[in-house]
Amino acid sequence: MKRLATTFLVLVTIYVIYFDLSHGTLNYTEKPSSSPQAVPVNSNSSAFPSFDYKVKTGDTALLIIEKQLNKNIPVTIDQLIKDFKQLNNGISPEEIQSGKIYHFPDYTGNGT
C-alpha cells in the first residue's frame, strides 16, 4: 500500500511540475505583445495631472509613483487607488501588467 501511495504521489508531483512549466500558474487573458499598449483614458481624467509609464516586471503603482516623486506619496493608499482607477478606466493597481503603458497620478504639486 505504501508503494502505491508513493507512486501516486510521485506521478501527481511530476504532472504538477509539467503543467506549471507548460501552462504557467498566472492567469493571463492575452499574450504579451511586442509593442506597449496604452490604456484608454477616461474623459474626466483631466481633474488632476498624470504621467504615463511603461510598467516593468516587479513594478508596483506605489513604487512607480515614489520613484517619480523621489519620496513617499503625499496621499493615502486609498486615494492613490481611487486616482489610478479614475485615470485607467477602472483598472486597479493590482491588475497592471508588465510591458503596458498606464497613466499614474502625478503628485509632484502636492506639498509635504
N, C-alpha and C. Protein backbone atom coordinates (compact mmCIF):
# COMPACT_ATOMS: atom_id res chain seq x y z
N MET A 1 0.82 -1.19 0.00
CA MET A 1 0.00 0.00 0.00
C MET A 1 0.87 1.27 0.00
N LYS A 2 1.97 1.24 0.76
CA LYS A 2 2.86 2.38 0.78
C LYS A 2 3.47 2.63 -0.59
N ARG A 3 3.83 1.56 -1.28
CA ARG A 3 4.44 1.68 -2.60
C ARG A 3 3.45 2.33 -3.57
N LEU A 4 2.18 1.96 -3.52
CA LEU A 4 1.16 2.51 -4.38
C LEU A 4 0.95 4.00 -4.08
N ALA A 5 0.89 4.35 -2.82
CA ALA A 5 0.72 5.75 -2.43
C ALA A 5 1.92 6.59 -2.85
N THR A 6 3.11 6.06 -2.68
CA THR A 6 4.33 6.79 -3.08
C THR A 6 4.36 6.98 -4.59
N THR A 7 4.02 5.95 -5.34
CA THR A 7 3.99 6.05 -6.79
C THR A 7 2.97 7.10 -7.23
N PHE A 8 1.80 7.08 -6.64
CA PHE A 8 0.76 8.05 -6.97
C PHE A 8 1.23 9.47 -6.66
N LEU A 9 1.86 9.67 -5.52
CA LEU A 9 2.35 10.99 -5.12
C LEU A 9 3.43 11.48 -6.09
N VAL A 10 4.32 10.61 -6.51
CA VAL A 10 5.37 10.97 -7.45
C VAL A 10 4.75 11.36 -8.80
N LEU A 11 3.76 10.60 -9.28
CA LEU A 11 3.12 10.90 -10.55
C LEU A 11 2.37 12.24 -10.50
N VAL A 12 1.69 12.51 -9.41
CA VAL A 12 0.99 13.78 -9.27
C VAL A 12 1.98 14.94 -9.24
N THR A 13 3.09 14.76 -8.55
CA THR A 13 4.11 15.80 -8.47
C THR A 13 4.70 16.08 -9.85
N ILE A 14 4.98 15.04 -10.61
CA ILE A 14 5.52 15.22 -11.97
C ILE A 14 4.51 15.94 -12.84
N TYR A 15 3.23 15.56 -12.74
CA TYR A 15 2.20 16.23 -13.54
C TYR A 15 2.08 17.71 -13.17
N VAL A 16 2.12 18.03 -11.90
CA VAL A 16 2.01 19.43 -11.46
C VAL A 16 3.19 20.24 -11.98
N ILE A 17 4.37 19.70 -11.92
CA ILE A 17 5.56 20.39 -12.44
C ILE A 17 5.43 20.59 -13.95
N TYR A 18 5.00 19.55 -14.67
CA TYR A 18 4.81 19.67 -16.11
C TYR A 18 3.78 20.75 -16.43
N PHE A 19 2.64 20.73 -15.74
CA PHE A 19 1.59 21.70 -16.00
C PHE A 19 2.08 23.12 -15.72
N ASP A 20 2.80 23.32 -14.65
CA ASP A 20 3.31 24.64 -14.29
C ASP A 20 4.29 25.15 -15.33
N LEU A 21 5.17 24.30 -15.81
CA LEU A 21 6.16 24.72 -16.80
C LEU A 21 5.54 24.95 -18.18
N SER A 22 4.54 24.17 -18.55
CA SER A 22 3.98 24.31 -19.89
C SER A 22 2.87 25.36 -19.97
N HIS A 23 2.06 25.50 -18.93
CA HIS A 23 0.93 26.43 -18.97
C HIS A 23 1.11 27.62 -18.05
N GLY A 24 1.90 27.49 -17.04
CA GLY A 24 2.08 28.55 -16.07
C GLY A 24 0.96 28.54 -15.05
N THR A 25 1.14 29.32 -13.99
CA THR A 25 0.12 29.38 -12.96
C THR A 25 -0.55 30.73 -12.88
N LEU A 26 -0.04 31.72 -13.64
CA LEU A 26 -0.65 33.03 -13.64
C LEU A 26 -1.76 33.08 -14.67
N ASN A 27 -2.80 33.85 -14.37
CA ASN A 27 -3.95 33.94 -15.26
C ASN A 27 -3.78 35.12 -16.21
N TYR A 28 -3.27 34.85 -17.40
CA TYR A 28 -3.12 35.89 -18.42
C TYR A 28 -4.26 35.74 -19.41
N THR A 29 -4.94 36.85 -19.71
CA THR A 29 -6.04 36.78 -20.65
C THR A 29 -5.58 37.05 -22.08
N GLU A 30 -4.40 37.59 -22.24
CA GLU A 30 -3.88 37.85 -23.57
C GLU A 30 -2.38 37.62 -23.59
N LYS A 31 -1.87 37.32 -24.76
CA LYS A 31 -0.43 37.11 -24.90
C LYS A 31 0.27 38.46 -24.90
N PRO A 32 1.45 38.56 -24.28
CA PRO A 32 2.19 39.82 -24.30
C PRO A 32 2.57 40.19 -25.73
N SER A 33 2.37 41.44 -26.06
CA SER A 33 2.72 41.89 -27.40
C SER A 33 4.08 42.57 -27.38
N SER A 34 4.67 42.70 -28.55
CA SER A 34 6.00 43.29 -28.62
C SER A 34 5.94 44.81 -28.45
N SER A 35 4.79 45.41 -28.77
CA SER A 35 4.69 46.86 -28.61
C SER A 35 3.76 47.19 -27.45
N PRO A 36 4.12 48.16 -26.63
CA PRO A 36 3.27 48.51 -25.49
C PRO A 36 1.95 49.11 -25.95
N GLN A 37 0.92 48.86 -25.18
CA GLN A 37 -0.40 49.40 -25.50
C GLN A 37 -0.83 50.33 -24.39
N ALA A 38 -1.29 51.49 -24.78
CA ALA A 38 -1.78 52.45 -23.79
C ALA A 38 -3.20 52.08 -23.40
N VAL A 39 -3.52 52.30 -22.15
CA VAL A 39 -4.86 52.08 -21.66
C VAL A 39 -5.68 53.32 -21.98
N PRO A 40 -6.90 53.17 -22.53
CA PRO A 40 -7.70 54.35 -22.86
C PRO A 40 -7.96 55.19 -21.62
N VAL A 41 -7.89 56.49 -21.79
CA VAL A 41 -8.04 57.41 -20.68
C VAL A 41 -9.50 57.84 -20.57
N ASN A 42 -9.99 57.91 -19.35
CA ASN A 42 -11.33 58.38 -19.09
C ASN A 42 -11.45 59.86 -19.46
N SER A 43 -12.60 60.29 -19.88
CA SER A 43 -12.77 61.68 -20.30
C SER A 43 -12.64 62.65 -19.13
N ASN A 44 -12.91 62.19 -17.90
CA ASN A 44 -12.81 63.07 -16.74
C ASN A 44 -11.45 62.96 -16.06
N SER A 45 -10.45 62.42 -16.73
CA SER A 45 -9.14 62.21 -16.11
C SER A 45 -8.33 63.49 -16.00
N SER A 46 -8.78 64.58 -16.62
CA SER A 46 -8.03 65.82 -16.57
C SER A 46 -8.24 66.55 -15.24
N ALA A 47 -8.91 65.92 -14.28
CA ALA A 47 -9.15 66.54 -12.98
C ALA A 47 -7.84 66.77 -12.22
N PHE A 48 -6.83 65.98 -12.49
CA PHE A 48 -5.53 66.16 -11.85
C PHE A 48 -4.44 65.70 -12.81
N PRO A 49 -3.22 66.19 -12.63
CA PRO A 49 -2.14 65.84 -13.57
C PRO A 49 -1.74 64.37 -13.44
N SER A 50 -1.23 63.83 -14.54
CA SER A 50 -0.78 62.44 -14.53
C SER A 50 0.43 62.30 -15.46
N PHE A 51 1.08 61.16 -15.34
CA PHE A 51 2.19 60.84 -16.24
C PHE A 51 2.03 59.41 -16.70
N ASP A 52 2.55 59.11 -17.88
CA ASP A 52 2.49 57.77 -18.45
C ASP A 52 3.78 57.03 -18.11
N TYR A 53 3.65 55.73 -17.89
CA TYR A 53 4.81 54.92 -17.55
C TYR A 53 4.61 53.51 -18.10
N LYS A 54 5.64 52.98 -18.75
CA LYS A 54 5.61 51.60 -19.23
C LYS A 54 6.07 50.70 -18.08
N VAL A 55 5.19 49.87 -17.62
CA VAL A 55 5.43 49.04 -16.44
C VAL A 55 6.45 47.95 -16.77
N LYS A 56 7.40 47.77 -15.87
CA LYS A 56 8.40 46.71 -15.99
C LYS A 56 8.09 45.62 -14.98
N THR A 57 8.65 44.46 -15.18
CA THR A 57 8.44 43.35 -14.26
C THR A 57 8.87 43.74 -12.85
N GLY A 58 8.00 43.50 -11.89
CA GLY A 58 8.30 43.82 -10.49
C GLY A 58 7.84 45.19 -10.05
N ASP A 59 7.40 46.03 -10.98
CA ASP A 59 6.93 47.37 -10.61
C ASP A 59 5.55 47.29 -9.96
N THR A 60 5.33 48.17 -9.00
CA THR A 60 4.01 48.37 -8.41
C THR A 60 3.65 49.83 -8.58
N ALA A 61 2.37 50.14 -8.48
CA ALA A 61 1.93 51.53 -8.62
C ALA A 61 2.61 52.41 -7.58
N LEU A 62 2.67 51.94 -6.35
CA LEU A 62 3.29 52.71 -5.28
C LEU A 62 4.76 52.97 -5.57
N LEU A 63 5.47 51.96 -6.01
CA LEU A 63 6.90 52.10 -6.32
C LEU A 63 7.12 53.07 -7.47
N ILE A 64 6.29 52.99 -8.51
CA ILE A 64 6.44 53.88 -9.67
C ILE A 64 6.22 55.33 -9.27
N ILE A 65 5.19 55.59 -8.47
CA ILE A 65 4.90 56.97 -8.06
C ILE A 65 5.97 57.49 -7.11
N GLU A 66 6.45 56.64 -6.21
CA GLU A 66 7.52 57.08 -5.30
C GLU A 66 8.81 57.37 -6.07
N LYS A 67 9.10 56.61 -7.14
CA LYS A 67 10.26 56.91 -7.98
C LYS A 67 10.10 58.28 -8.64
N GLN A 68 8.90 58.56 -9.12
CA GLN A 68 8.62 59.84 -9.77
C GLN A 68 8.81 61.01 -8.80
N LEU A 69 8.39 60.81 -7.55
CA LEU A 69 8.47 61.87 -6.55
C LEU A 69 9.84 61.94 -5.85
N ASN A 70 10.56 60.83 -5.84
CA ASN A 70 11.79 60.69 -5.05
C ASN A 70 11.53 60.83 -3.56
N LYS A 71 10.32 60.47 -3.13
CA LYS A 71 9.95 60.47 -1.71
C LYS A 71 8.66 59.69 -1.57
N ASN A 72 8.15 59.58 -0.35
CA ASN A 72 6.89 58.89 -0.10
C ASN A 72 5.72 59.68 -0.69
N ILE A 73 4.64 58.99 -0.99
CA ILE A 73 3.49 59.66 -1.59
C ILE A 73 2.79 60.53 -0.55
N PRO A 74 2.28 61.71 -0.96
CA PRO A 74 1.65 62.63 -0.02
C PRO A 74 0.15 62.37 0.20
N VAL A 75 -0.38 61.25 -0.32
CA VAL A 75 -1.79 60.92 -0.16
C VAL A 75 -1.89 59.51 0.43
N THR A 76 -3.10 59.15 0.84
CA THR A 76 -3.31 57.82 1.40
C THR A 76 -3.31 56.79 0.26
N ILE A 77 -3.11 55.54 0.63
CA ILE A 77 -3.13 54.45 -0.34
C ILE A 77 -4.52 54.37 -0.99
N ASP A 78 -5.58 54.57 -0.20
CA ASP A 78 -6.93 54.54 -0.75
C ASP A 78 -7.12 55.62 -1.81
N GLN A 79 -6.58 56.81 -1.57
CA GLN A 79 -6.69 57.90 -2.55
C GLN A 79 -5.88 57.57 -3.81
N LEU A 80 -4.72 56.97 -3.63
CA LEU A 80 -3.90 56.56 -4.76
C LEU A 80 -4.65 55.56 -5.64
N ILE A 81 -5.27 54.57 -5.02
CA ILE A 81 -6.03 53.57 -5.77
C ILE A 81 -7.19 54.21 -6.51
N LYS A 82 -7.90 55.11 -5.84
CA LYS A 82 -9.03 55.81 -6.46
C LYS A 82 -8.57 56.63 -7.66
N ASP A 83 -7.48 57.38 -7.51
CA ASP A 83 -6.96 58.20 -8.61
C ASP A 83 -6.48 57.34 -9.77
N PHE A 84 -5.80 56.23 -9.47
CA PHE A 84 -5.31 55.34 -10.52
C PHE A 84 -6.48 54.75 -11.30
N LYS A 85 -7.50 54.30 -10.59
CA LYS A 85 -8.67 53.74 -11.27
C LYS A 85 -9.35 54.78 -12.14
N GLN A 86 -9.42 56.01 -11.67
CA GLN A 86 -10.06 57.08 -12.45
C GLN A 86 -9.28 57.33 -13.74
N LEU A 87 -7.97 57.29 -13.68
CA LEU A 87 -7.14 57.55 -14.85
C LEU A 87 -7.12 56.39 -15.85
N ASN A 88 -7.41 55.19 -15.39
CA ASN A 88 -7.26 54.00 -16.23
C ASN A 88 -8.56 53.20 -16.39
N ASN A 89 -9.67 53.88 -16.50
CA ASN A 89 -10.97 53.25 -16.75
C ASN A 89 -11.30 52.11 -15.79
N GLY A 90 -11.06 52.31 -14.52
CA GLY A 90 -11.45 51.33 -13.51
C GLY A 90 -10.47 50.21 -13.27
N ILE A 91 -9.35 50.18 -13.97
CA ILE A 91 -8.34 49.15 -13.73
C ILE A 91 -7.66 49.45 -12.41
N SER A 92 -7.60 48.46 -11.53
CA SER A 92 -6.97 48.69 -10.23
C SER A 92 -5.46 48.51 -10.34
N PRO A 93 -4.71 49.11 -9.43
CA PRO A 93 -3.25 48.99 -9.47
C PRO A 93 -2.75 47.54 -9.36
N GLU A 94 -3.55 46.66 -8.75
CA GLU A 94 -3.16 45.26 -8.63
C GLU A 94 -3.22 44.53 -9.97
N GLU A 95 -3.91 45.09 -10.96
CA GLU A 95 -4.10 44.43 -12.25
C GLU A 95 -3.11 44.88 -13.32
N ILE A 96 -2.14 45.73 -12.98
CA ILE A 96 -1.22 46.21 -14.01
C ILE A 96 -0.36 45.07 -14.52
N GLN A 97 -0.02 45.14 -15.81
CA GLN A 97 0.78 44.10 -16.45
C GLN A 97 2.06 44.72 -16.99
N SER A 98 3.15 43.98 -16.87
CA SER A 98 4.42 44.50 -17.38
C SER A 98 4.37 44.60 -18.89
N GLY A 99 5.02 45.63 -19.41
CA GLY A 99 5.06 45.86 -20.85
C GLY A 99 3.98 46.79 -21.35
N LYS A 100 3.01 47.12 -20.52
CA LYS A 100 1.93 48.02 -20.94
C LYS A 100 2.14 49.41 -20.34
N ILE A 101 1.57 50.40 -20.98
CA ILE A 101 1.68 51.77 -20.52
C ILE A 101 0.39 52.15 -19.78
N TYR A 102 0.55 52.71 -18.59
CA TYR A 102 -0.58 53.15 -17.78
C TYR A 102 -0.38 54.62 -17.41
N HIS A 103 -1.46 55.24 -17.00
CA HIS A 103 -1.43 56.62 -16.54
C HIS A 103 -1.41 56.60 -15.01
N PHE A 104 -0.43 57.29 -14.44
CA PHE A 104 -0.28 57.34 -12.99
C PHE A 104 -0.50 58.76 -12.51
N PRO A 105 -1.17 58.94 -11.36
CA PRO A 105 -1.37 60.29 -10.85
C PRO A 105 -0.04 60.94 -10.49
N ASP A 106 0.08 62.21 -10.85
CA ASP A 106 1.31 62.96 -10.58
C ASP A 106 1.09 63.86 -9.37
N TYR A 107 1.70 63.48 -8.26
CA TYR A 107 1.52 64.21 -7.01
C TYR A 107 2.68 65.19 -6.74
N THR A 108 3.45 65.55 -7.75
CA THR A 108 4.58 66.45 -7.51
C THR A 108 4.14 67.82 -7.06
N GLY A 109 2.92 68.24 -7.36
CA GLY A 109 2.42 69.55 -6.94
C GLY A 109 1.91 69.56 -5.52
N ASN A 110 1.69 68.36 -4.92
CA ASN A 110 1.22 68.30 -3.54
C ASN A 110 2.37 68.56 -2.58
N GLY A 111 2.10 69.32 -1.58
CA GLY A 111 3.18 69.66 -0.65
C GLY A 111 3.27 68.73 0.53
N THR A 112 4.45 68.26 0.82
CA THR A 112 4.82 67.55 2.07
C THR A 112 6.30 67.64 2.23
